[in-house]
Protein backbone atom coordinates (compact mmCIF):
# COMPACT_ATOMS: atom_id res chain seq x y z
CA ARG A 1 13.90 26.81 -12.60
CA GLY A 2 12.04 27.57 -9.40
CA GLU A 3 8.90 25.49 -9.96
CA GLY A 4 10.89 22.65 -11.48
CA ARG A 5 13.35 22.76 -8.59
CA ARG A 6 10.56 22.64 -6.01
CA ARG A 7 9.06 19.58 -7.66
CA ILE A 8 12.44 17.88 -8.09
CA MET A 9 13.21 18.37 -4.41
CA ALA A 10 10.09 16.33 -3.67
CA ALA A 11 10.94 13.51 -6.08
CA SER A 12 10.42 10.00 -4.72
CA VAL A 13 10.71 8.09 -8.00
CA ILE A 14 13.51 8.62 -10.50
CA ILE A 15 12.92 7.13 -13.95
CA ASN A 16 16.18 6.64 -15.82
CA LEU A 17 15.59 6.23 -19.54
CA TRP A 18 18.72 4.69 -21.09
CA SER A 19 18.40 5.01 -24.84
CA ALA A 20 20.27 4.07 -27.97
CA PRO A 21 20.66 6.92 -30.47
CA ARG A 22 17.90 7.72 -32.97
CA CYS A 23 15.13 6.37 -30.77
CA CYS A 24 12.01 8.21 -29.62
CA SER A 25 13.68 9.19 -26.31
CA THR A 26 12.91 12.89 -26.73
CA ALA A 27 9.28 12.13 -27.52
CA LEU A 28 9.14 10.05 -24.31
CA MET A 29 10.61 12.97 -22.39
CA TYR A 30 7.95 15.27 -23.83
CA SER A 31 5.32 12.69 -22.96
CA PHE A 32 6.32 12.46 -19.29
CA ALA A 33 6.58 16.25 -19.10
CA GLN A 34 2.79 16.36 -19.56
CA ARG A 35 2.26 14.72 -16.16
CA SER A 36 1.49 17.07 -13.31
CA ASP A 37 3.61 14.98 -10.93
CA THR A 38 6.73 14.77 -13.10
CA THR A 39 9.74 16.93 -13.87
CA VAL A 40 11.99 15.99 -16.77
CA MET A 41 15.69 16.55 -17.48
CA ASP A 42 17.29 16.29 -20.89
CA GLU A 43 20.54 14.26 -20.75
CA PRO A 44 22.04 15.68 -17.53
CA LEU A 45 25.13 13.42 -17.90
CA TYR A 46 25.93 14.48 -21.48
CA ALA A 47 28.55 17.11 -20.66
CA SER A 48 30.49 14.93 -18.21
CA TRP A 49 30.64 12.14 -20.80
CA LEU A 50 31.68 14.47 -23.62
CA ALA A 51 34.47 15.91 -21.47
CA LYS A 52 35.99 12.42 -21.20
CA HIS A 53 35.94 11.97 -24.98
CA PRO A 54 37.74 14.78 -26.82
CA GLU A 55 37.71 12.59 -29.94
CA CYS A 56 33.91 12.83 -30.14
CA ALA A 57 33.15 15.93 -32.18
CA ARG A 58 29.93 17.88 -31.69
CA PRO A 59 28.96 21.28 -33.19
CA TYR A 60 27.83 22.48 -29.76
CA ARG A 61 30.69 20.91 -27.78
CA GLU A 62 32.32 24.02 -26.35
CA GLU A 63 29.00 25.68 -25.51
CA LEU A 64 27.86 22.61 -23.58
CA LEU A 65 31.14 22.11 -21.71
CA ARG A 66 31.33 25.79 -20.63
CA ALA A 67 27.81 25.75 -19.21
CA SER A 68 27.86 22.40 -17.39
CA GLU A 69 29.30 20.53 -14.42
CA LEU A 70 31.86 18.12 -15.89
CA ASP A 71 32.26 15.78 -12.93
CA GLY A 72 29.71 13.03 -13.51
CA ARG A 73 29.72 11.91 -9.89
CA LYS A 74 28.87 15.42 -8.71
CA VAL A 75 26.02 15.50 -11.23
CA VAL A 76 24.69 12.19 -9.91
CA ALA A 77 25.00 13.39 -6.31
CA SER A 78 23.09 16.55 -7.20
CA LEU A 79 20.30 14.59 -8.85
CA LEU A 80 19.93 12.22 -5.92
CA SER A 81 20.27 14.71 -3.05
CA LEU A 82 17.08 16.51 -3.86
CA GLY A 83 14.79 14.63 -1.49
CA PRO A 84 13.07 11.25 -1.25
CA GLU A 85 9.42 12.31 -0.97
CA GLY A 86 6.83 13.42 -3.48
CA GLY A 87 6.80 13.37 -7.26
CA VAL A 88 8.63 11.86 -10.20
CA LEU A 89 11.90 12.83 -11.85
CA PHE A 90 12.33 11.62 -15.45
CA LEU A 91 15.94 11.57 -16.61
CA LYS A 92 16.61 11.05 -20.30
CA HIS A 93 20.05 9.56 -21.06
CA ILE A 94 21.89 8.10 -24.02
CA GLY A 95 23.24 4.74 -22.85
CA LYS A 96 26.95 5.59 -23.21
CA PHE A 97 26.61 8.40 -20.65
CA ILE A 98 26.67 5.81 -17.84
CA GLU A 99 30.38 5.20 -18.53
CA ASP A 100 32.33 5.06 -15.21
CA LEU A 101 29.14 5.72 -13.23
CA GLU A 102 27.78 2.15 -12.97
CA ASP A 103 28.61 2.00 -9.24
CA THR A 104 26.80 5.23 -8.28
CA ASP A 105 23.43 5.57 -6.57
CA LEU A 106 21.93 6.51 -9.92
CA VAL A 107 22.13 2.78 -10.65
CA THR A 108 21.87 1.21 -7.20
CA SER A 109 19.35 3.42 -5.36
CA SER A 110 15.95 1.87 -4.70
CA ARG A 111 14.39 5.17 -5.75
CA CYS A 112 15.59 4.65 -9.31
CA VAL A 113 13.82 2.57 -11.93
CA HIS A 114 15.44 1.82 -15.26
CA VAL A 115 13.98 1.68 -18.75
CA PHE A 116 16.08 0.74 -21.79
CA LEU A 117 15.06 1.99 -25.22
CA VAL A 118 16.41 0.30 -28.37
CA ARG A 119 15.57 0.20 -32.05
CA ASN A 120 14.09 -2.60 -34.09
CA ARG A 121 15.92 -1.23 -37.15
CA VAL A 122 19.30 -0.99 -35.47
CA GLU A 123 21.06 0.30 -38.60
CA LYS A 124 19.14 3.56 -38.16
CA SER A 125 20.89 4.10 -34.81
CA LEU A 126 24.24 4.38 -36.55
CA VAL A 127 23.92 7.47 -38.71
CA SER A 128 26.33 10.41 -38.28
CA PHE A 129 26.29 12.30 -34.98
CA GLY A 130 27.01 15.69 -36.47
CA GLU A 131 29.73 17.60 -38.29
CA GLY A 132 32.91 15.57 -38.05
CA ALA A 133 31.35 13.02 -35.71
CA LYS A 134 31.92 9.44 -36.77
CA SER A 135 29.64 6.51 -36.09
CA THR A 136 31.54 4.12 -33.81
CA LEU A 137 30.79 1.24 -31.48
CA LEU A 138 31.17 3.67 -28.57
CA GLU A 139 28.73 6.14 -30.10
CA SER A 140 26.16 3.41 -30.72
CA SER A 141 25.74 2.98 -26.93
CA TYR A 142 24.77 -0.69 -27.27
CA PRO A 143 27.81 -2.08 -25.39
CA HIS A 144 27.03 0.29 -22.51
CA LEU A 145 23.37 -0.71 -22.51
CA VAL A 146 24.34 -4.38 -22.21
CA GLN A 147 26.87 -3.64 -19.46
CA LEU A 148 24.34 -1.62 -17.47
CA TYR A 149 21.60 -4.21 -17.94
CA SER A 150 23.95 -6.92 -16.66
CA ARG A 151 24.96 -4.74 -13.72
CA LEU A 152 21.33 -4.25 -12.72
CA ARG A 153 20.70 -7.98 -13.06
CA ASP A 154 23.64 -8.70 -10.74
CA LEU A 155 22.10 -6.29 -8.24
CA GLY A 156 18.78 -8.12 -8.44
CA ARG A 157 17.10 -5.09 -10.04
CA GLN A 158 14.44 -5.57 -12.68
CA ALA A 159 14.92 -3.40 -15.77
CA LEU A 160 12.40 -2.86 -18.56
CA VAL A 161 13.50 -2.99 -22.21
CA VAL A 162 11.21 -1.46 -24.84
CA VAL A 163 11.48 -0.91 -28.59
CA SER A 164 11.22 2.55 -30.10
CA GLU A 165 9.10 1.46 -33.05
CA ASP A 166 6.55 -0.07 -30.65
CA ILE A 167 6.19 3.19 -28.75
CA VAL A 168 5.69 5.18 -31.94
CA SER A 169 3.06 2.77 -33.30
CA ARG A 170 1.34 1.74 -30.02
CA PRO A 171 2.00 4.58 -27.55
CA ARG A 172 -0.92 3.93 -25.21
CA VAL A 173 0.02 0.28 -24.66
CA MET A 174 3.71 0.96 -24.21
CA LEU A 175 3.32 4.05 -22.01
CA ALA A 176 1.06 2.07 -19.71
CA ARG A 177 3.76 -0.59 -19.37
CA ILE A 178 6.52 1.95 -18.70
CA CYS A 179 4.40 3.68 -16.08
CA GLN A 180 3.56 0.34 -14.50
CA HIS A 181 7.28 -0.41 -14.23
CA ALA A 182 7.69 2.88 -12.32
CA GLY A 183 4.70 2.17 -10.08
CA LEU A 184 2.59 4.85 -11.77
CA ALA A 185 -0.72 5.00 -13.58
CA MET A 186 -0.54 6.29 -17.12
CA ASP A 187 -1.92 9.79 -17.62
CA PRO A 188 -3.81 10.14 -20.95
CA GLN A 189 -2.21 13.57 -21.32
CA GLN A 190 1.07 11.76 -22.01
CA LEU A 191 -0.19 10.89 -25.50
CA SER A 192 0.22 14.42 -26.89
CA TRP A 193 2.06 17.69 -26.40
CA GLN A 194 2.30 21.13 -27.97
CA PRO A 195 4.63 21.39 -31.00
CA GLY A 196 7.77 23.50 -30.80
CA PRO A 197 10.89 23.84 -28.63
CA LYS A 198 10.65 23.23 -24.87
CA GLU A 199 12.34 25.11 -22.06
CA TYR A 200 13.93 21.91 -20.80
CA ASP A 201 15.51 20.97 -24.16
CA GLY A 202 19.30 20.65 -24.18
CA VAL A 203 21.53 23.06 -26.11
CA TRP A 204 21.87 20.38 -28.81
CA ALA A 205 18.14 20.41 -29.54
CA LYS A 206 18.34 22.71 -32.56
CA HIS A 207 20.60 20.14 -34.24
CA TRP A 208 18.51 17.03 -33.57
CA TYR A 209 14.92 17.77 -32.52
CA ARG A 210 13.45 19.03 -35.79
CA ASN A 211 10.98 16.16 -36.22
CA VAL A 212 9.87 16.00 -32.61
CA TRP A 213 9.45 19.80 -32.49
CA ALA A 214 7.10 19.55 -35.46
CA SER A 215 5.08 16.81 -33.79
CA SER A 216 2.27 16.82 -31.26
CA GLY A 217 2.42 13.07 -30.57
CA PHE A 218 4.48 9.95 -31.12
CA GLU A 219 3.43 9.05 -34.66
CA ALA A 220 5.41 11.79 -36.42
CA SER A 221 8.04 12.33 -33.72
CA VAL A 222 10.90 10.32 -35.25
CA GLY A 223 11.42 10.76 -38.97
CA SER A 224 14.01 7.98 -39.28
CA HIS A 225 11.48 5.34 -38.21
CA LYS A 226 9.84 5.35 -41.62
CA LYS A 227 12.45 6.84 -43.90
CA ALA A 228 14.44 4.44 -46.10
CA MET A 229 18.15 5.18 -46.21
CA SER A 230 21.31 3.93 -47.87
CA ILE A 231 23.85 2.24 -45.59
CA PRO A 232 27.49 3.02 -46.52
CA ASP A 233 30.13 0.30 -46.31
CA ASP A 234 31.78 1.63 -43.15
CA GLN A 235 28.44 1.51 -41.33
CA LYS A 236 27.90 -2.05 -42.57
CA ALA A 237 31.18 -2.99 -40.90
CA LEU A 238 30.08 -1.20 -37.73
CA LEU A 239 26.75 -2.95 -37.86
CA GLU A 240 28.55 -6.29 -37.61
CA GLU A 241 30.15 -5.09 -34.35
CA VAL A 242 26.92 -3.70 -32.92
CA ILE A 243 24.58 -6.60 -33.75
CA PRO A 244 25.57 -8.92 -30.84
CA PHE A 245 24.95 -6.18 -28.25
CA TRP A 246 21.74 -5.02 -29.93
CA ALA A 247 20.45 -8.59 -30.19
CA PHE A 248 21.08 -9.12 -26.46
CA MET A 249 18.90 -6.13 -25.60
CA LYS A 250 16.19 -6.74 -28.17
CA ARG A 251 15.65 -10.33 -27.02
CA ARG A 252 14.76 -8.95 -23.61
CA ALA A 253 12.31 -6.34 -24.87
CA VAL A 254 8.65 -6.34 -23.87
CA ARG A 255 6.83 -6.01 -27.18
CA ALA A 256 3.58 -4.16 -27.87
CA ALA A 257 1.98 -7.13 -29.61
CA CYS A 258 2.47 -9.31 -26.52
CA LEU A 259 1.09 -6.61 -24.21
CA ALA A 260 -1.95 -6.22 -26.48
CA GLY A 261 -2.56 -9.98 -26.45
CA GLU A 262 -1.78 -10.34 -30.15
CA SER A 263 1.21 -12.64 -29.60
CA SER A 264 1.97 -15.19 -26.91
CA GLY A 265 5.74 -14.85 -27.22
CA PRO A 266 8.01 -17.87 -26.73
CA GLU A 267 5.82 -19.31 -24.00
CA GLY A 268 2.75 -21.34 -24.84
CA SER A 269 1.76 -24.84 -25.74
CA VAL A 270 0.54 -27.16 -28.47
CA LYS A 271 -2.92 -28.42 -27.58
CA GLY A 272 -4.30 -31.72 -28.80
CA GLY A 273 -2.73 -34.24 -31.11
CA THR A 274 0.31 -36.46 -31.01
CA HIS A 275 2.66 -33.64 -30.03
CA GLU A 276 0.58 -31.97 -27.31
CA PHE A 277 2.80 -30.37 -24.70
CA HIS A 278 3.04 -27.40 -22.37
CA GLN A 279 6.18 -25.32 -22.66
CA ASP A 280 8.52 -26.03 -19.78
CA PRO A 281 10.00 -22.75 -18.45
CA ARG A 282 13.41 -24.44 -18.19
CA ASN A 283 13.57 -24.51 -21.99
CA ALA A 284 14.08 -20.74 -22.12
CA ARG A 285 17.57 -21.28 -20.67
CA VAL A 286 18.52 -24.38 -22.63
CA LEU A 287 21.86 -24.46 -24.42
CA ILE A 288 21.78 -25.51 -28.08
CA GLY A 289 24.66 -27.47 -29.59
CA ILE A 290 25.85 -26.14 -32.97
CA ARG A 291 28.66 -27.59 -35.08
CA ASP A 292 29.77 -25.02 -37.65
CA GLY A 293 30.65 -26.77 -40.89
CA VAL A 294 33.17 -24.16 -42.04
CA SER A 295 35.35 -23.93 -38.93
CA GLY A 296 34.48 -27.41 -37.63
CA ASP A 297 33.92 -25.90 -34.18
CA PHE A 298 31.21 -27.26 -31.89
CA SER A 299 29.73 -24.70 -29.50
CA LEU A 300 26.99 -24.51 -26.91
CA VAL A 301 24.84 -21.42 -27.38
CA PRO A 302 21.89 -20.11 -25.31
CA ARG A 303 18.59 -20.89 -27.02
CA SER A 304 17.66 -17.23 -27.24
CA CYS A 305 20.65 -16.45 -29.48
CA ALA A 306 21.24 -19.80 -31.21
CA SER A 307 21.18 -19.46 -34.99
CA VAL A 308 22.55 -20.68 -38.28
CA SER A 309 23.29 -18.55 -41.31
CA VAL A 310 20.49 -17.47 -43.66
CA LEU A 311 22.75 -18.97 -46.33
CA ASP A 312 22.64 -22.41 -44.71
CA SER A 313 21.42 -25.18 -47.03
CA GLY A 314 18.78 -26.26 -44.54
CA PHE A 315 17.20 -22.82 -44.41
CA LEU A 316 17.54 -22.05 -48.10
CA LEU A 317 16.53 -25.40 -49.57
CA GLY A 318 15.46 -27.85 -46.87
CA ASP A 319 18.61 -29.73 -47.87
CA GLY A 320 19.33 -32.12 -45.03
CA ALA A 321 17.76 -34.59 -42.62
CA TRP A 322 16.89 -34.87 -38.95
CA GLU A 323 16.21 -37.32 -36.13
CA GLY A 324 14.05 -37.09 -33.02
CA ILE A 325 15.64 -38.81 -29.99
CA ARG A 326 14.50 -39.17 -26.38
CA LEU A 327 16.68 -38.99 -23.29
CA HIS A 328 15.28 -41.33 -20.64
CA ASN A 329 16.89 -42.16 -17.29
CA GLY A 330 20.19 -40.79 -18.54
CA ARG A 331 20.20 -42.84 -21.75
CA LEU A 332 19.67 -41.82 -25.36
CA LEU A 333 16.93 -44.27 -26.36
CA PHE A 334 17.67 -46.36 -29.46
CA PHE A 335 20.48 -43.99 -30.42
CA ARG A 336 22.23 -46.55 -32.64
CA GLU A 337 19.08 -47.04 -34.73
CA HIS A 338 18.53 -43.29 -35.01
CA VAL A 339 22.08 -42.46 -36.03
CA ASP A 340 22.16 -45.37 -38.51
CA ARG A 341 19.01 -44.01 -40.16
CA LEU A 342 20.52 -40.51 -40.20
CA TYR A 343 23.68 -41.69 -41.93
CA GLN A 344 21.61 -43.70 -44.41
CA ALA A 345 19.77 -40.47 -45.29
CA MET A 346 23.07 -38.60 -45.60
CA LYS A 347 24.35 -41.18 -48.07
CA ALA A 348 21.12 -41.05 -50.09
CA LEU A 349 21.32 -37.24 -50.22
CA ASP A 350 25.05 -37.41 -51.08
CA ILE A 351 25.96 -35.33 -48.03
CA SER A 352 29.46 -36.24 -46.89
CA MET A 353 29.64 -36.55 -43.11
CA ASP A 354 33.09 -35.57 -41.84
CA VAL A 355 32.36 -36.81 -38.32
CA SER A 356 31.80 -40.34 -37.08
CA LYS A 357 28.64 -41.66 -35.48
CA GLU A 358 30.44 -41.71 -32.16
CA GLU A 359 31.38 -38.05 -32.56
CA VAL A 360 27.72 -37.22 -33.22
CA ARG A 361 26.84 -39.04 -29.99
CA GLU A 362 29.47 -36.99 -28.17
CA MET A 363 27.90 -33.76 -29.47
CA VAL A 364 24.45 -34.84 -28.30
CA GLU A 365 25.69 -35.98 -24.89
CA ALA A 366 27.78 -32.82 -24.43
CA THR A 367 24.64 -30.78 -25.03
CA THR A 368 22.38 -32.72 -22.65
CA THR A 369 25.08 -32.90 -19.97
CA ALA A 370 25.70 -29.15 -20.13
CA ASN A 371 21.97 -28.64 -19.57
CA GLY A 372 21.89 -31.02 -16.61
CA MET A 373 19.35 -33.22 -18.41
CA VAL A 374 18.61 -36.77 -17.32
CA GLY A 375 15.12 -37.65 -18.56
CA GLY A 376 11.87 -36.30 -19.92
CA VAL A 377 13.85 -34.76 -22.77
CA HIS A 378 13.17 -34.73 -26.50
CA ILE A 379 16.12 -33.97 -28.79
CA ARG A 380 15.99 -32.76 -32.36
CA LEU A 381 19.22 -33.66 -34.16
CA ILE A 382 19.47 -31.75 -37.45
CA VAL A 383 22.07 -32.02 -40.20
CA SER A 384 22.11 -29.77 -43.27
CA ARG A 385 24.49 -29.84 -46.23
CA GLY A 386 26.12 -26.70 -44.84
CA LEU A 387 26.79 -23.09 -45.73
CA LYS A 388 26.19 -21.81 -49.26
CA LEU A 389 28.29 -19.28 -51.14
CA THR A 390 25.06 -18.02 -52.70
CA PRO A 391 21.40 -19.13 -52.71
CA TYR A 392 21.72 -21.99 -55.17
CA GLN A 393 20.85 -25.68 -54.99
CA SER A 394 24.04 -27.17 -56.43
CA PRO A 395 26.23 -28.92 -53.83
CA ALA A 396 29.18 -27.25 -55.60
CA ALA A 397 28.03 -23.96 -54.03
CA THR A 398 28.49 -25.40 -50.53
CA VAL A 399 31.34 -24.21 -48.30
CA GLY A 400 32.89 -26.64 -45.83
CA TRP A 401 31.13 -29.56 -44.17
CA PRO A 402 27.59 -30.15 -42.88
CA THR A 403 26.00 -27.96 -40.22
CA ILE A 404 24.94 -30.03 -37.19
CA VAL A 405 22.46 -28.73 -34.61
CA VAL A 406 21.35 -30.39 -31.36
CA ILE A 407 18.15 -28.95 -29.84
CA PRO A 408 17.24 -30.55 -26.49
CA GLU A 409 13.99 -29.69 -24.71
CA HIS A 410 12.33 -30.65 -21.48
CA LYS A 411 9.28 -32.04 -23.19
CA ALA A 412 6.94 -34.87 -22.25
CA ALA A 413 3.88 -36.21 -24.06
CA SER A 414 0.48 -35.53 -22.53
CA PRO A 415 -0.73 -38.51 -20.41
CA GLU A 416 -4.31 -37.49 -21.22
CA VAL A 417 -3.75 -37.78 -24.96
CA LYS A 418 -2.05 -41.15 -24.52
CA GLU A 419 -5.17 -42.41 -22.77
CA LYS A 420 -8.04 -40.61 -24.50
CA GLY A 421 -6.58 -40.64 -27.99
CA ILE A 422 -6.85 -38.51 -31.11
CA LYS A 423 -9.05 -38.11 -34.18
CA LEU A 424 -7.74 -38.36 -37.75
CA ILE A 425 -8.97 -37.14 -41.11
CA THR A 426 -7.80 -38.55 -44.43
CA SER A 427 -5.63 -36.08 -46.30
CA ALA A 428 -6.06 -35.08 -49.93
CA PHE A 429 -2.25 -34.93 -50.07
CA ARG A 430 -0.65 -38.27 -51.05
CA ARG A 431 2.67 -39.70 -50.01
CA ALA A 432 5.31 -39.37 -52.72
CA ARG A 433 6.82 -42.22 -54.67
CA PRO A 434 10.45 -43.08 -53.89
CA ASP A 435 11.48 -41.68 -57.27
CA THR A 436 9.85 -38.34 -56.43
CA GLN A 437 10.81 -37.74 -52.79
CA ASP A 438 11.70 -40.92 -50.97
CA PRO A 439 9.54 -41.10 -47.81
CA ALA A 440 12.19 -43.27 -46.16
CA ILE A 441 14.35 -40.14 -45.78
CA ASN A 442 13.52 -37.94 -42.80
CA CYS A 443 14.38 -34.88 -44.87
CA LEU A 444 14.15 -31.25 -43.80
CA SER A 445 11.80 -30.52 -46.70
CA LYS A 446 8.43 -31.46 -45.16
CA ASN A 447 6.06 -29.52 -47.40
CA THR A 448 3.66 -32.41 -48.13
CA CYS A 449 3.42 -33.39 -44.46
CA ILE A 450 2.95 -29.78 -43.41
CA SER A 451 0.17 -29.36 -45.98
CA ALA A 452 -1.54 -32.44 -44.54
CA CYS A 453 -1.06 -31.11 -41.01
CA ILE A 454 -2.68 -27.80 -41.98
CA HIS A 455 -5.58 -29.74 -43.53
CA ALA A 456 -6.11 -31.58 -40.24
CA VAL A 457 -5.92 -28.46 -38.07
CA ASN A 458 -8.22 -26.42 -40.32
CA SER A 459 -10.70 -29.30 -40.37
CA GLY A 460 -10.80 -29.61 -36.59
CA TYR A 461 -8.82 -32.87 -36.38
CA HIS A 462 -5.55 -33.72 -34.66
CA GLU A 463 -3.63 -35.26 -37.53
CA CYS A 464 -4.03 -36.51 -41.09
CA LEU A 465 -4.04 -40.09 -42.32
CA MET A 466 -2.18 -40.13 -45.63
CA LEU A 467 -2.62 -42.51 -48.56
CA ASP A 468 -0.03 -43.76 -51.03
CA PRO A 469 -0.29 -43.06 -54.79
CA GLN A 470 -2.45 -46.20 -55.25
CA GLY A 471 -4.92 -45.18 -52.53
CA PHE A 472 -3.72 -47.58 -49.81
CA VAL A 473 -3.18 -46.31 -46.26
CA ALA A 474 0.46 -45.30 -45.82
CA THR A 475 1.12 -43.26 -42.68
CA CYS A 476 0.18 -40.05 -40.87
CA ASN A 477 1.70 -36.64 -41.40
CA SER A 478 4.01 -36.88 -38.35
CA THR A 479 3.57 -40.44 -37.05
CA ASN A 480 3.33 -44.03 -38.27
CA PHE A 481 -0.08 -45.73 -38.35
CA ILE A 482 -1.00 -49.22 -37.03
CA MET A 483 -4.37 -50.93 -36.71
CA VAL A 484 -5.68 -54.05 -34.93
CA LYS A 485 -8.37 -56.37 -36.27
CA ALA A 486 -9.44 -59.66 -34.66
CA GLY A 487 -6.23 -59.79 -32.63
CA VAL A 488 -4.00 -59.24 -35.68
CA VAL A 489 -1.69 -56.20 -35.63
CA LEU A 490 -1.58 -54.67 -39.13
CA SER A 491 0.88 -52.08 -40.40
CA PRO A 492 1.23 -50.56 -43.87
CA THR A 493 4.38 -51.58 -45.72
CA THR A 494 7.35 -49.25 -45.52
CA ASP A 495 7.11 -48.41 -49.24
CA TYR A 496 5.59 -44.98 -48.64
CA GLN A 497 6.44 -44.12 -45.05
CA LEU A 498 9.40 -43.37 -42.84
CA HIS A 499 10.93 -46.53 -41.44
CA GLY A 500 9.87 -45.59 -37.93
CA ILE A 501 12.02 -46.83 -35.07
CA THR A 502 9.18 -46.65 -32.57
CA ARG A 503 6.92 -48.34 -35.13
CA GLN A 504 9.36 -51.24 -35.48
CA ASN A 505 9.69 -51.54 -31.70
CA MET A 506 5.89 -51.74 -31.37
CA LEU A 507 5.67 -54.48 -34.01
CA ASP A 508 8.48 -56.45 -32.30
CA LEU A 509 6.77 -56.07 -28.93
CA ALA A 510 3.47 -57.25 -30.41
CA ARG A 511 5.17 -60.41 -31.72
CA GLU A 512 6.78 -61.02 -28.33
CA ALA A 513 3.36 -60.66 -26.71
CA GLY A 514 2.00 -63.40 -28.97
CA TYR A 515 0.08 -61.28 -31.45
CA GLU A 516 0.15 -62.06 -35.14
CA VAL A 517 1.79 -59.15 -36.98
CA ARG A 518 1.34 -58.44 -40.68
CA GLU A 519 2.76 -55.70 -42.88
CA ARG A 520 0.64 -55.27 -46.00
CA ASN A 521 -1.42 -52.83 -48.01
CA PHE A 522 -4.92 -52.07 -46.78
CA THR A 523 -7.61 -49.52 -47.61
CA LEU A 524 -9.72 -47.07 -45.66
CA ILE A 525 -12.63 -49.54 -45.64
CA GLU A 526 -10.57 -51.91 -43.49
CA VAL A 527 -9.41 -49.06 -41.27
CA TYR A 528 -12.95 -47.88 -40.56
CA ASP A 529 -13.81 -51.43 -39.48
CA ALA A 530 -10.75 -51.87 -37.23
CA ASP A 531 -11.09 -52.89 -33.59
CA GLU A 532 -8.28 -50.54 -32.61
CA CYS A 533 -5.93 -48.05 -34.23
CA PHE A 534 -2.93 -46.22 -32.87
CA VAL A 535 -0.06 -44.08 -34.10
CA THR A 536 3.60 -44.27 -33.09
CA GLY A 537 6.45 -41.83 -32.83
CA THR A 538 9.56 -41.00 -30.82
CA PHE A 539 7.91 -38.20 -28.85
CA ALA A 540 4.81 -39.96 -27.51
CA GLY A 541 5.43 -43.67 -28.09
CA ALA A 542 1.93 -44.94 -28.95
CA ILE A 543 -1.27 -42.87 -29.02
CA PRO A 544 -4.71 -44.41 -29.60
CA VAL A 545 -6.89 -43.26 -32.51
CA VAL A 546 -10.57 -43.11 -31.54
CA ALA A 547 -12.10 -41.80 -34.79
CA ILE A 548 -11.16 -41.41 -38.47
CA ASP A 549 -13.12 -39.29 -40.95
CA GLY A 550 -15.99 -39.11 -38.45
CA ARG A 551 -16.18 -42.92 -38.05
CA VAL A 552 -15.74 -44.21 -34.52
CA ILE A 553 -12.98 -46.78 -34.29
CA GLY A 554 -13.89 -49.82 -32.18
CA GLU A 555 -15.52 -48.63 -29.00
CA GLY A 556 -14.25 -45.07 -29.43
CA ARG A 557 -11.60 -45.39 -26.72
CA ARG A 558 -8.16 -46.85 -26.17
CA GLY A 559 -8.18 -50.56 -26.89
CA GLU A 560 -6.58 -53.31 -24.84
CA VAL A 561 -3.89 -54.11 -27.41
CA THR A 562 -2.88 -50.46 -27.56
CA ARG A 563 -2.78 -50.23 -23.76
CA GLU A 564 -0.67 -53.37 -23.48
CA LEU A 565 1.81 -52.20 -26.11
CA GLN A 566 2.09 -48.80 -24.42
CA GLN A 567 2.98 -50.58 -21.19
CA ARG A 568 5.48 -52.92 -22.85
CA TYR A 569 7.09 -50.02 -24.69
CA GLY A 570 7.51 -48.12 -21.41
CA GLU A 571 9.21 -51.19 -19.92
CA LEU A 572 11.47 -51.46 -22.98
CA CYS A 573 12.52 -47.82 -22.57
CA ASP A 574 13.31 -48.44 -18.89
CA LYS A 575 15.48 -51.44 -19.86
CA GLN A 576 17.50 -49.23 -22.22
């Protein structure tokens, strides 16, 4: 078309939209067509792709092939030879159309920017493609989207991945981000268009564009976004093939909620309290160690795609136990004590471990070594009973051996918290008796502790002090509690708390330093009158407590005994 051709000849920016099927790609094309500086083209590579695939049936196949250039490289050359100066050319593609064209200037030219469009509900991308057209992995386009994304990454080119459902529900936010990626300002006219067919629609439009033709904006443009549908068995099998490719793309998507400030995404931090930390950007690339209990295979998997089955005992029932371990100066601190406690829990839970303690160590060390980790690392070692045949608590429903997961993170405790301390509030939630849920087991089911943690957070405190069933002080929701009075270091008995390894080290260090150490029951009245209090745990070592239930402890700052034990504990860790 004359006017369109004149504007295309002046194009300086080419936006390639690479879409999965059944996304709002046509609505996006209509949106960009509303810009005075933009010309749009509807799937200019379709015919050349279809010519290479005679097995792919389409009701308009012959009509399209007769009317089109079938050499994809000639099509690309035509698109890119129309001039470097002026406006914007928006090219709508389905991802598979890039087949055999990944090395062309359509991919490599600096004039081209690339936007990938995928679905949140991927199963809706897999419906039939017309009379006689089967849904296949090829037709889904997801393998091609991954291949193209990886190609652009290798070229050092930044691609933008967006989700169709986000554009339909939050068009202003998402259009602004797409335009930003292309170096453009969003035009408010992009939010709506006139209903009905468009002169730039492809010959296939009458078969597929019914909903978008009836629409004047994004909300009603894609009927399949809201419509529930039955998934036949053959598509369920295809879905299993597609999921890995889809998941790769979706993990890289920029989401509307993040752009609108409603979600912080995987970055962020925990502020205040015993586990205060700032997320280290290296953790995004950490490899997670996973031992599959059915196959017995141990694998290292990128954090972004590490997972266990939804039928795993740990997820379904909290059936398992865990340990927190620190890597310091190349050594796993107190590993023997941690793994002994883990195996004690396994025996109590009647979970049969098919691997030795040394083999568990090898899994942990393989994971940290693969990540190049030496120190400043906190490791969560998790063991569940394993995969279930069906959601049911009986161990008889378990398949294979335990699932073992090793999660290492670059993660260091806040020096400020270790000096300035935290504030506690006494929880209304009591520690359980050993015949209810034995607190000596570091089990995956942490409901009582989580309830206490929520109480603390909602009350404006850092952590909760928890009492035993008789009303004596027992522990905190995620750490062990110790107090100092008149030079005597006092700890609750281990009857109602985890037998903390850091706690025991602190008590041993106190004895070595010449302090009297007692383990006995005591009440809140004694705690309020303490000279010092501190909490202990693998992550932070020892953290002073400066106030409990609004009462200032001692002088309201870190005490000398706490400071000395922190120093001695640091020296002990160095000696390890």
